[in-house]
């Protein structure tokens, strides 16, 4: 078993460069940080630190909003069409999602037949037994930024909860 030295209680100033005793130094330190003199250097430092932390929190909240300009620069979106329809659907490429997902409003609008499935949706915020309508295996056309298109076929889970997205291409597709 290791033994550690017992901490010393400094009642006497053993350091000649300190002009005040330890209790006085501690009192001054607490007073300066709790109630610093207005416009003093420590007051300016504390205020600027608090303002920096508030702004940092605001930036995190802004970047957490989906489809926000800050977030769109960091996430990879592609467009796809589901034949015979010609309408482009904005789709997030998310390798963190294991499966590809399609919003139920898109499936209903395009009259895509959904195969019923008993799947529970589990996300970081909780689980839902009613969010999944079923699954579909459909071909789609992926549109590249260069203008070229490629046809693929994959399995989508149809869900009513996609946080404002139309579709997500998951790691299974990639």
N, C-alpha and C. Protein backbone atom coordinates (compact mmCIF):
# COMPACT_ATOMS: atom_id res chain seq x y z
N UNK A 1 0.85 -1.16 0.00
CA UNK A 1 0.00 0.00 0.00
C UNK A 1 0.90 1.24 0.00
N UNK A 2 0.58 2.20 -0.85
CA UNK A 2 1.39 3.42 -0.95
C UNK A 2 0.94 4.42 0.10
N UNK A 3 1.91 5.09 0.67
CA UNK A 3 1.58 6.13 1.64
C UNK A 3 1.94 7.47 1.02
N UNK A 4 1.03 8.37 1.16
CA UNK A 4 1.24 9.72 0.65
C UNK A 4 1.48 10.65 1.83
N UNK A 5 2.34 11.64 1.64
CA UNK A 5 2.57 12.56 2.74
C UNK A 5 1.31 13.36 3.05
N UNK A 6 1.11 13.63 4.29
CA UNK A 6 -0.04 14.40 4.72
C UNK A 6 0.14 15.86 4.27
N UNK A 7 -0.90 16.49 3.74
CA UNK A 7 -0.76 17.89 3.31
C UNK A 7 -0.43 18.80 4.49
N UNK A 8 0.40 19.78 4.22
CA UNK A 8 0.79 20.71 5.28
C UNK A 8 -0.20 21.85 5.35
N UNK A 9 -0.42 22.36 6.52
CA UNK A 9 -1.23 23.57 6.72
C UNK A 9 -0.24 24.69 6.98
N UNK A 10 -0.22 25.64 6.06
CA UNK A 10 0.73 26.74 6.16
C UNK A 10 0.15 27.87 7.01
N UNK A 11 0.59 27.93 8.21
CA UNK A 11 0.16 29.01 9.10
C UNK A 11 1.20 30.12 9.14
N UNK A 12 2.37 29.78 8.73
CA UNK A 12 3.46 30.74 8.80
C UNK A 12 4.02 30.91 7.39
N UNK A 13 4.31 32.13 7.01
CA UNK A 13 4.82 32.41 5.68
C UNK A 13 6.28 31.98 5.61
N UNK A 14 6.53 30.90 4.88
CA UNK A 14 7.88 30.37 4.76
C UNK A 14 8.58 30.89 3.51
N UNK A 15 7.89 31.66 2.70
CA UNK A 15 8.44 32.14 1.45
C UNK A 15 8.70 33.64 1.56
N UNK A 16 9.93 34.07 1.49
CA UNK A 16 10.23 35.48 1.72
C UNK A 16 9.70 36.41 0.64
N UNK A 17 9.39 35.89 -0.56
CA UNK A 17 8.87 36.76 -1.60
C UNK A 17 7.40 37.12 -1.39
N UNK A 18 6.68 36.41 -0.52
CA UNK A 18 5.29 36.73 -0.22
C UNK A 18 5.24 37.69 0.95
N UNK A 19 4.53 38.77 0.75
CA UNK A 19 4.44 39.78 1.82
C UNK A 19 3.26 39.54 2.73
N UNK A 20 2.26 38.80 2.27
CA UNK A 20 1.07 38.56 3.07
C UNK A 20 1.05 37.11 3.56
N UNK A 21 0.31 36.87 4.62
CA UNK A 21 0.16 35.50 5.12
C UNK A 21 -0.81 34.74 4.21
N UNK A 22 -0.79 33.43 4.35
CA UNK A 22 -1.65 32.61 3.50
C UNK A 22 -3.14 32.93 3.67
N UNK A 23 -3.66 33.08 4.87
CA UNK A 23 -5.09 33.43 4.98
C UNK A 23 -5.43 34.76 4.31
N UNK A 24 -4.52 35.74 4.39
CA UNK A 24 -4.77 37.02 3.72
C UNK A 24 -4.74 36.86 2.20
N UNK A 25 -3.79 36.08 1.70
CA UNK A 25 -3.72 35.83 0.26
C UNK A 25 -4.98 35.13 -0.25
N UNK A 26 -5.42 34.13 0.51
CA UNK A 26 -6.63 33.41 0.14
C UNK A 26 -7.85 34.34 0.14
N UNK A 27 -7.96 35.18 1.15
CA UNK A 27 -9.06 36.15 1.24
C UNK A 27 -9.03 37.10 0.06
N UNK A 28 -7.86 37.61 -0.29
CA UNK A 28 -7.74 38.53 -1.43
C UNK A 28 -8.09 37.83 -2.75
N UNK A 29 -7.65 36.59 -2.89
CA UNK A 29 -7.94 35.84 -4.11
C UNK A 29 -9.44 35.62 -4.28
N UNK A 30 -10.10 35.19 -3.22
CA UNK A 30 -11.55 34.96 -3.29
C UNK A 30 -12.28 36.27 -3.56
N UNK A 31 -11.87 37.33 -2.89
CA UNK A 31 -12.50 38.64 -3.10
C UNK A 31 -12.33 39.10 -4.54
N UNK A 32 -11.15 38.91 -5.12
CA UNK A 32 -10.90 39.35 -6.49
C UNK A 32 -11.74 38.57 -7.50
N UNK A 33 -11.95 37.28 -7.26
CA UNK A 33 -12.71 36.50 -8.22
C UNK A 33 -14.21 36.59 -8.00
N UNK A 34 -14.64 36.74 -6.77
CA UNK A 34 -16.07 36.83 -6.50
C UNK A 34 -16.58 38.24 -6.77
N UNK A 35 -15.89 39.22 -6.28
CA UNK A 35 -16.29 40.62 -6.46
C UNK A 35 -15.08 41.43 -6.93
N UNK A 36 -14.67 41.26 -8.21
CA UNK A 36 -13.53 42.04 -8.68
C UNK A 36 -13.90 43.52 -8.84
N UNK A 37 -12.90 44.35 -8.78
CA UNK A 37 -13.13 45.78 -8.98
C UNK A 37 -13.58 45.99 -10.42
N UNK A 38 -14.61 46.82 -10.65
CA UNK A 38 -15.09 47.04 -12.02
C UNK A 38 -13.98 47.57 -12.92
N UNK A 39 -13.94 47.06 -14.14
CA UNK A 39 -12.97 47.43 -15.17
C UNK A 39 -11.53 47.04 -14.82
N UNK A 40 -11.34 46.21 -13.82
CA UNK A 40 -9.99 45.72 -13.52
C UNK A 40 -9.66 44.62 -14.52
N UNK A 41 -8.41 44.22 -14.58
CA UNK A 41 -8.01 43.20 -15.54
C UNK A 41 -8.71 41.86 -15.27
N UNK A 42 -8.87 41.50 -14.01
CA UNK A 42 -9.55 40.24 -13.69
C UNK A 42 -11.04 40.32 -14.02
N UNK A 43 -11.65 41.49 -13.83
CA UNK A 43 -13.06 41.68 -14.18
C UNK A 43 -13.24 41.55 -15.70
N UNK A 44 -12.35 42.16 -16.46
CA UNK A 44 -12.43 42.06 -17.93
C UNK A 44 -12.22 40.62 -18.38
N UNK A 45 -11.29 39.92 -17.75
CA UNK A 45 -11.02 38.52 -18.10
C UNK A 45 -12.24 37.64 -17.82
N UNK A 46 -12.84 37.80 -16.66
CA UNK A 46 -14.01 36.99 -16.30
C UNK A 46 -15.17 37.29 -17.25
N UNK A 47 -15.42 38.56 -17.53
CA UNK A 47 -16.53 38.93 -18.42
C UNK A 47 -16.29 38.41 -19.84
N UNK A 48 -15.07 38.54 -20.33
CA UNK A 48 -14.80 38.05 -21.69
C UNK A 48 -14.90 36.52 -21.75
N UNK A 49 -14.49 35.83 -20.70
CA UNK A 49 -14.61 34.37 -20.67
C UNK A 49 -16.07 33.93 -20.65
N UNK A 50 -16.88 34.59 -19.86
CA UNK A 50 -18.31 34.27 -19.81
C UNK A 50 -18.95 34.54 -21.17
N UNK A 51 -18.62 35.65 -21.81
CA UNK A 51 -19.18 35.99 -23.13
C UNK A 51 -18.73 34.97 -24.17
N UNK A 52 -17.47 34.54 -24.11
CA UNK A 52 -16.96 33.53 -25.04
C UNK A 52 -17.73 32.22 -24.88
N UNK A 53 -17.96 31.78 -23.63
CA UNK A 53 -18.67 30.54 -23.39
C UNK A 53 -20.12 30.61 -23.85
N UNK A 54 -20.75 31.78 -23.66
CA UNK A 54 -22.13 31.95 -24.14
C UNK A 54 -22.18 31.88 -25.66
N UNK A 55 -21.24 32.55 -26.32
CA UNK A 55 -21.21 32.53 -27.78
C UNK A 55 -20.91 31.15 -28.32
N UNK A 56 -20.03 30.43 -27.63
CA UNK A 56 -19.70 29.07 -28.04
C UNK A 56 -20.94 28.18 -27.95
N UNK A 57 -21.73 28.34 -26.91
CA UNK A 57 -22.96 27.56 -26.75
C UNK A 57 -23.96 27.93 -27.84
N UNK A 58 -24.07 29.21 -28.17
CA UNK A 58 -24.98 29.63 -29.24
C UNK A 58 -24.56 29.03 -30.57
N UNK A 59 -23.25 29.00 -30.84
CA UNK A 59 -22.76 28.42 -32.09
C UNK A 59 -23.08 26.93 -32.16
N UNK A 60 -22.95 26.23 -31.05
CA UNK A 60 -23.28 24.80 -31.02
C UNK A 60 -24.76 24.59 -31.31
N UNK A 61 -25.61 25.43 -30.74
CA UNK A 61 -27.04 25.29 -30.97
C UNK A 61 -27.38 25.58 -32.42
N UNK A 62 -26.76 26.60 -33.01
CA UNK A 62 -27.02 26.90 -34.41
C UNK A 62 -26.56 25.77 -35.32
N UNK A 63 -25.39 25.22 -35.05
CA UNK A 63 -24.88 24.16 -35.91
C UNK A 63 -25.64 22.85 -35.71
N UNK A 64 -26.35 22.70 -34.62
CA UNK A 64 -27.11 21.48 -34.38
C UNK A 64 -28.41 21.43 -35.17
N UNK A 65 -28.87 22.57 -35.67
CA UNK A 65 -30.11 22.59 -36.44
C UNK A 65 -29.87 21.95 -37.80
N UNK A 66 -30.75 21.04 -38.17
CA UNK A 66 -30.59 20.32 -39.42
C UNK A 66 -30.90 21.24 -40.60
N UNK A 67 -30.18 21.06 -41.70
CA UNK A 67 -30.31 21.86 -42.92
C UNK A 67 -29.90 23.31 -42.71
N UNK A 68 -29.23 23.62 -41.63
CA UNK A 68 -28.71 24.96 -41.39
C UNK A 68 -27.49 25.14 -42.28
N UNK A 69 -27.19 26.38 -42.64
CA UNK A 69 -26.06 26.64 -43.51
C UNK A 69 -24.77 26.14 -42.88
N UNK A 70 -24.59 26.32 -41.58
CA UNK A 70 -23.38 25.84 -40.92
C UNK A 70 -23.26 24.33 -41.01
N UNK A 71 -24.37 23.64 -40.85
CA UNK A 71 -24.35 22.18 -40.85
C UNK A 71 -24.23 21.63 -42.26
N UNK A 72 -24.85 22.30 -43.24
CA UNK A 72 -24.83 21.81 -44.61
C UNK A 72 -23.41 21.81 -45.17
N UNK A 73 -22.54 22.65 -44.64
CA UNK A 73 -21.16 22.66 -45.10
C UNK A 73 -20.40 21.44 -44.60
N UNK A 74 -20.86 20.80 -43.53
CA UNK A 74 -20.15 19.68 -42.95
C UNK A 74 -20.77 18.33 -43.32
N UNK A 75 -22.02 18.31 -43.75
CA UNK A 75 -22.68 17.06 -44.10
C UNK A 75 -22.77 16.92 -45.61
N UNK A 76 -22.84 15.69 -46.08
CA UNK A 76 -22.85 15.42 -47.51
C UNK A 76 -24.27 15.05 -47.94
N UNK A 77 -24.86 15.92 -48.76
CA UNK A 77 -26.19 15.68 -49.29
C UNK A 77 -26.08 15.35 -50.78
N UNK A 78 -26.93 14.46 -51.25
CA UNK A 78 -27.04 14.14 -52.67
C UNK A 78 -28.52 14.23 -53.05
N UNK A 79 -28.77 14.21 -54.34
CA UNK A 79 -30.15 14.22 -54.82
C UNK A 79 -30.41 12.90 -55.54
N UNK A 80 -31.61 12.39 -55.32
CA UNK A 80 -32.00 11.16 -56.00
C UNK A 80 -33.42 11.30 -56.50
N UNK A 81 -33.74 10.53 -57.53
CA UNK A 81 -35.11 10.47 -58.05
C UNK A 81 -35.55 9.01 -58.02
N UNK A 82 -36.83 8.83 -57.79
CA UNK A 82 -37.42 7.50 -57.74
C UNK A 82 -38.28 7.32 -58.99
N UNK A 83 -37.78 6.59 -60.02
CA UNK A 83 -38.54 6.44 -61.27
C UNK A 83 -39.89 5.80 -61.00
N UNK A 84 -40.90 6.15 -61.72
CA UNK A 84 -40.95 6.99 -62.91
C UNK A 84 -41.04 8.50 -62.57
N UNK A 85 -41.03 8.84 -61.34
CA UNK A 85 -41.11 10.24 -60.93
C UNK A 85 -39.83 10.98 -61.31
N UNK A 86 -39.93 12.25 -61.67
CA UNK A 86 -38.76 13.05 -62.06
C UNK A 86 -38.34 14.03 -60.98
N UNK A 87 -39.10 14.12 -59.88
CA UNK A 87 -38.81 15.08 -58.81
C UNK A 87 -37.58 14.64 -58.02
N UNK A 88 -36.62 15.58 -57.82
CA UNK A 88 -35.41 15.27 -57.06
C UNK A 88 -35.69 15.35 -55.57
N UNK A 89 -35.17 14.38 -54.84
CA UNK A 89 -35.33 14.30 -53.39
C UNK A 89 -33.96 14.53 -52.76
N UNK A 90 -33.90 15.45 -51.79
CA UNK A 90 -32.64 15.71 -51.09
C UNK A 90 -32.40 14.59 -50.08
N UNK A 91 -31.20 14.02 -50.13
CA UNK A 91 -30.91 12.83 -49.33
C UNK A 91 -29.57 13.01 -48.62
N UNK A 92 -29.54 12.70 -47.34
CA UNK A 92 -28.33 12.77 -46.54
C UNK A 92 -27.57 11.45 -46.66
N UNK A 93 -26.27 11.53 -46.91
CA UNK A 93 -25.43 10.34 -46.89
C UNK A 93 -24.86 10.24 -45.48
N UNK A 94 -25.29 9.21 -44.75
CA UNK A 94 -24.93 9.07 -43.34
C UNK A 94 -24.39 7.66 -43.09
N UNK A 95 -23.06 7.57 -43.01
CA UNK A 95 -22.47 6.25 -42.79
C UNK A 95 -22.62 5.81 -41.34
N UNK A 96 -23.09 6.71 -40.46
CA UNK A 96 -23.36 6.34 -39.08
C UNK A 96 -24.68 5.60 -38.94
N UNK A 97 -25.57 5.77 -39.91
CA UNK A 97 -26.84 5.04 -39.92
C UNK A 97 -26.60 3.70 -40.62
N UNK A 98 -27.03 2.63 -40.01
CA UNK A 98 -26.76 1.32 -40.60
C UNK A 98 -27.64 1.05 -41.82
N UNK A 99 -28.88 1.52 -41.81
CA UNK A 99 -29.81 1.27 -42.90
C UNK A 99 -30.19 2.58 -43.59
N UNK A 100 -30.71 2.45 -44.81
CA UNK A 100 -31.22 3.60 -45.54
C UNK A 100 -32.67 3.82 -45.13
N UNK A 101 -33.07 5.08 -45.06
CA UNK A 101 -34.42 5.43 -44.61
C UNK A 101 -35.09 6.34 -45.62
N UNK A 102 -36.39 6.22 -45.75
CA UNK A 102 -37.20 7.07 -46.62
C UNK A 102 -38.38 7.58 -45.81
N UNK A 103 -38.68 8.87 -45.95
CA UNK A 103 -39.79 9.43 -45.18
C UNK A 103 -41.11 8.90 -45.73
N UNK A 104 -42.03 8.61 -44.86
CA UNK A 104 -43.32 8.02 -45.26
C UNK A 104 -44.13 8.96 -46.14
N UNK A 105 -43.98 10.28 -45.98
CA UNK A 105 -44.72 11.21 -46.84
C UNK A 105 -44.27 11.10 -48.29
N UNK A 106 -43.00 10.84 -48.53
CA UNK A 106 -42.49 10.65 -49.89
C UNK A 106 -43.05 9.36 -50.48
N UNK A 107 -43.02 8.29 -49.70
CA UNK A 107 -43.55 7.00 -50.18
C UNK A 107 -45.04 7.11 -50.49
N UNK A 108 -45.79 7.81 -49.65
CA UNK A 108 -47.23 7.97 -49.89
C UNK A 108 -47.49 8.84 -51.11
N UNK A 109 -46.73 9.93 -51.26
CA UNK A 109 -46.92 10.86 -52.38
C UNK A 109 -46.62 10.18 -53.71
N UNK A 110 -45.59 9.33 -53.75
CA UNK A 110 -45.21 8.65 -54.98
C UNK A 110 -45.92 7.31 -55.16
N UNK A 111 -46.82 6.98 -54.22
CA UNK A 111 -47.61 5.74 -54.26
C UNK A 111 -46.71 4.51 -54.38
N UNK A 112 -45.68 4.47 -53.54
CA UNK A 112 -44.77 3.33 -53.50
C UNK A 112 -45.37 2.29 -52.57
N UNK A 113 -45.53 1.04 -53.04
CA UNK A 113 -46.10 0.01 -52.16
C UNK A 113 -45.12 -0.34 -51.03
N UNK A 114 -45.63 -0.25 -49.81
CA UNK A 114 -44.81 -0.50 -48.63
C UNK A 114 -45.12 -1.88 -48.08
N UNK A 115 -44.08 -2.67 -47.86
CA UNK A 115 -44.24 -3.99 -47.24
C UNK A 115 -44.27 -3.78 -45.73
N UNK A 116 -45.32 -4.17 -45.05
CA UNK A 116 -45.38 -3.98 -43.60
C UNK A 116 -44.25 -4.73 -42.90
N UNK A 117 -43.72 -4.11 -41.86
CA UNK A 117 -42.64 -4.73 -41.09
C UNK A 117 -42.80 -4.32 -39.63
N UNK A 118 -42.44 -5.23 -38.75
CA UNK A 118 -42.50 -4.95 -37.33
C UNK A 118 -41.09 -4.58 -36.86
N UNK A 119 -40.75 -3.29 -37.03
CA UNK A 119 -39.41 -2.80 -36.70
C UNK A 119 -39.56 -1.68 -35.68
N UNK A 120 -38.69 -1.68 -34.70
CA UNK A 120 -38.69 -0.61 -33.69
C UNK A 120 -37.59 0.38 -34.06
N UNK A 121 -37.94 1.66 -34.10
CA UNK A 121 -36.97 2.71 -34.39
C UNK A 121 -36.25 3.08 -33.09
N UNK A 122 -34.93 2.97 -33.10
CA UNK A 122 -34.13 3.31 -31.92
C UNK A 122 -33.12 4.38 -32.32
N UNK A 123 -33.21 5.54 -31.67
CA UNK A 123 -32.28 6.64 -31.93
C UNK A 123 -31.62 7.03 -30.62
N UNK A 124 -30.78 8.05 -30.70
CA UNK A 124 -30.10 8.53 -29.49
C UNK A 124 -31.09 9.15 -28.51
N UNK A 125 -32.25 9.60 -29.01
CA UNK A 125 -33.22 10.26 -28.14
C UNK A 125 -34.31 9.34 -27.63
N UNK A 126 -34.32 8.08 -28.09
CA UNK A 126 -35.34 7.16 -27.59
C UNK A 126 -35.75 6.14 -28.64
N UNK A 127 -36.83 5.43 -28.34
CA UNK A 127 -37.34 4.41 -29.26
C UNK A 127 -38.79 4.68 -29.58
N UNK A 128 -39.25 4.13 -30.71
CA UNK A 128 -40.64 4.28 -31.11
C UNK A 128 -41.09 3.02 -31.84
N UNK A 129 -42.25 2.52 -31.46
CA UNK A 129 -42.82 1.35 -32.12
C UNK A 129 -43.71 1.73 -33.30
N UNK A 130 -44.13 3.00 -33.38
CA UNK A 130 -45.09 3.42 -34.41
C UNK A 130 -44.46 4.24 -35.53
N UNK A 131 -43.19 4.58 -35.44
CA UNK A 131 -42.57 5.45 -36.44
C UNK A 131 -42.27 4.73 -37.75
N UNK A 132 -42.11 3.41 -37.73
CA UNK A 132 -41.77 2.64 -38.92
C UNK A 132 -43.04 2.10 -39.57
N UNK A 133 -43.25 2.46 -40.86
CA UNK A 133 -44.41 1.96 -41.60
C UNK A 133 -44.13 0.61 -42.22
N UNK A 134 -42.90 0.40 -42.65
CA UNK A 134 -42.53 -0.84 -43.31
C UNK A 134 -41.24 -0.66 -44.08
N UNK A 135 -41.06 -1.51 -45.11
CA UNK A 135 -39.85 -1.43 -45.93
C UNK A 135 -40.21 -1.43 -47.39
N UNK A 136 -39.29 -0.92 -48.21
CA UNK A 136 -39.45 -0.96 -49.67
C UNK A 136 -38.08 -1.27 -50.27
N UNK A 137 -38.13 -2.02 -51.37
CA UNK A 137 -36.91 -2.29 -52.14
C UNK A 137 -37.16 -1.67 -53.51
N UNK A 138 -36.51 -0.54 -53.76
CA UNK A 138 -36.82 0.20 -54.98
C UNK A 138 -35.55 0.67 -55.69
N UNK A 139 -35.64 0.81 -57.01
CA UNK A 139 -34.53 1.41 -57.75
C UNK A 139 -34.62 2.94 -57.63
N UNK A 140 -33.47 3.59 -57.71
CA UNK A 140 -33.44 5.05 -57.70
C UNK A 140 -32.26 5.52 -58.53
N UNK A 141 -32.32 6.77 -58.94
CA UNK A 141 -31.25 7.37 -59.73
C UNK A 141 -30.56 8.40 -58.85
N UNK A 142 -29.24 8.24 -58.72
CA UNK A 142 -28.42 9.14 -57.92
C UNK A 142 -27.82 10.20 -58.84
N UNK A 143 -28.01 11.47 -58.49
CA UNK A 143 -27.53 12.58 -59.30
C UNK A 143 -26.24 13.13 -58.69
N UNK A 144 -25.17 13.16 -59.49
CA UNK A 144 -23.89 13.70 -59.03
C UNK A 144 -23.84 15.20 -59.31
N UNK A 145 -22.93 15.91 -58.62
CA UNK A 145 -22.78 17.35 -58.83
C UNK A 145 -22.35 17.66 -60.26
N UNK A 146 -21.64 16.73 -60.89
CA UNK A 146 -21.16 16.96 -62.25
C UNK A 146 -22.27 16.86 -63.29
N UNK A 147 -23.44 16.39 -62.89
CA UNK A 147 -24.56 16.26 -63.81
C UNK A 147 -24.80 14.83 -64.25
N UNK A 148 -23.86 13.95 -63.99
CA UNK A 148 -24.04 12.55 -64.38
C UNK A 148 -24.99 11.86 -63.40
N UNK A 149 -25.59 10.80 -63.88
CA UNK A 149 -26.53 10.04 -63.05
C UNK A 149 -26.13 8.56 -63.05
N UNK A 150 -26.45 7.88 -61.97
CA UNK A 150 -26.20 6.44 -61.84
C UNK A 150 -27.42 5.80 -61.21
N UNK A 151 -27.79 4.64 -61.74
CA UNK A 151 -28.96 3.94 -61.21
C UNK A 151 -28.54 2.89 -60.20
N UNK A 152 -29.23 2.87 -59.08
CA UNK A 152 -28.97 1.93 -58.00
C UNK A 152 -30.29 1.31 -57.56
N UNK A 153 -30.19 0.30 -56.72
CA UNK A 153 -31.35 -0.31 -56.11
C UNK A 153 -30.98 -0.65 -54.68
N UNK A 154 -31.81 -0.28 -53.74
CA UNK A 154 -31.51 -0.58 -52.35
C UNK A 154 -32.79 -0.75 -51.54
N UNK A 155 -32.59 -1.18 -50.32
CA UNK A 155 -33.68 -1.43 -49.38
C UNK A 155 -33.82 -0.20 -48.47
N UNK A 156 -35.00 0.40 -48.42
CA UNK A 156 -35.27 1.54 -47.55
C UNK A 156 -36.24 1.14 -46.45
N UNK A 157 -36.01 1.63 -45.27
CA UNK A 157 -36.98 1.53 -44.18
C UNK A 157 -37.81 2.80 -44.24
N UNK A 158 -39.12 2.67 -44.27
CA UNK A 158 -40.02 3.82 -44.38
C UNK A 158 -40.40 4.27 -42.98
N UNK A 159 -40.10 5.54 -42.67
CA UNK A 159 -40.31 6.07 -41.32
C UNK A 159 -40.97 7.44 -41.39
N UNK A 160 -41.75 7.74 -40.36
CA UNK A 160 -42.37 9.07 -40.28
C UNK A 160 -41.52 10.05 -39.50
N UNK A 161 -40.42 9.59 -38.92
CA UNK A 161 -39.55 10.46 -38.11
C UNK A 161 -38.14 10.47 -38.68
N UNK A 162 -37.83 11.50 -39.49
CA UNK A 162 -36.49 11.64 -40.06
C UNK A 162 -35.92 13.03 -39.79
N UNK A 163 -36.42 13.72 -38.78
CA UNK A 163 -35.90 15.04 -38.39
C UNK A 163 -35.84 16.02 -39.56
N UNK A 164 -36.90 16.07 -40.34
CA UNK A 164 -36.97 17.04 -41.42
C UNK A 164 -36.32 16.61 -42.72
N UNK A 165 -35.78 15.42 -42.78
CA UNK A 165 -35.14 14.93 -44.01
C UNK A 165 -36.13 14.12 -44.84
N UNK A 166 -35.86 14.04 -46.15
CA UNK A 166 -36.68 13.21 -47.03
C UNK A 166 -36.16 11.77 -47.09
N UNK A 167 -34.81 11.64 -47.08
CA UNK A 167 -34.23 10.30 -47.17
C UNK A 167 -32.81 10.33 -46.58
N UNK A 168 -32.37 9.14 -46.16
CA UNK A 168 -31.01 8.96 -45.65
C UNK A 168 -30.44 7.71 -46.31
N UNK A 169 -29.26 7.84 -46.90
CA UNK A 169 -28.57 6.66 -47.42
C UNK A 169 -27.58 6.22 -46.35
N UNK A 170 -27.77 5.02 -45.84
CA UNK A 170 -26.96 4.53 -44.73
C UNK A 170 -25.74 3.75 -45.18
N UNK A 171 -25.03 3.22 -44.22
CA UNK A 171 -23.78 2.50 -44.47
C UNK A 171 -24.01 1.22 -45.28
N UNK A 172 -25.16 0.60 -45.13
CA UNK A 172 -25.45 -0.65 -45.85
C UNK A 172 -25.45 -0.39 -47.35
N UNK A 173 -25.96 0.76 -47.78
CA UNK A 173 -25.95 1.12 -49.20
C UNK A 173 -24.54 1.46 -49.67
N UNK A 174 -23.83 2.25 -48.85
CA UNK A 174 -22.49 2.71 -49.25
C UNK A 174 -21.54 1.55 -49.38
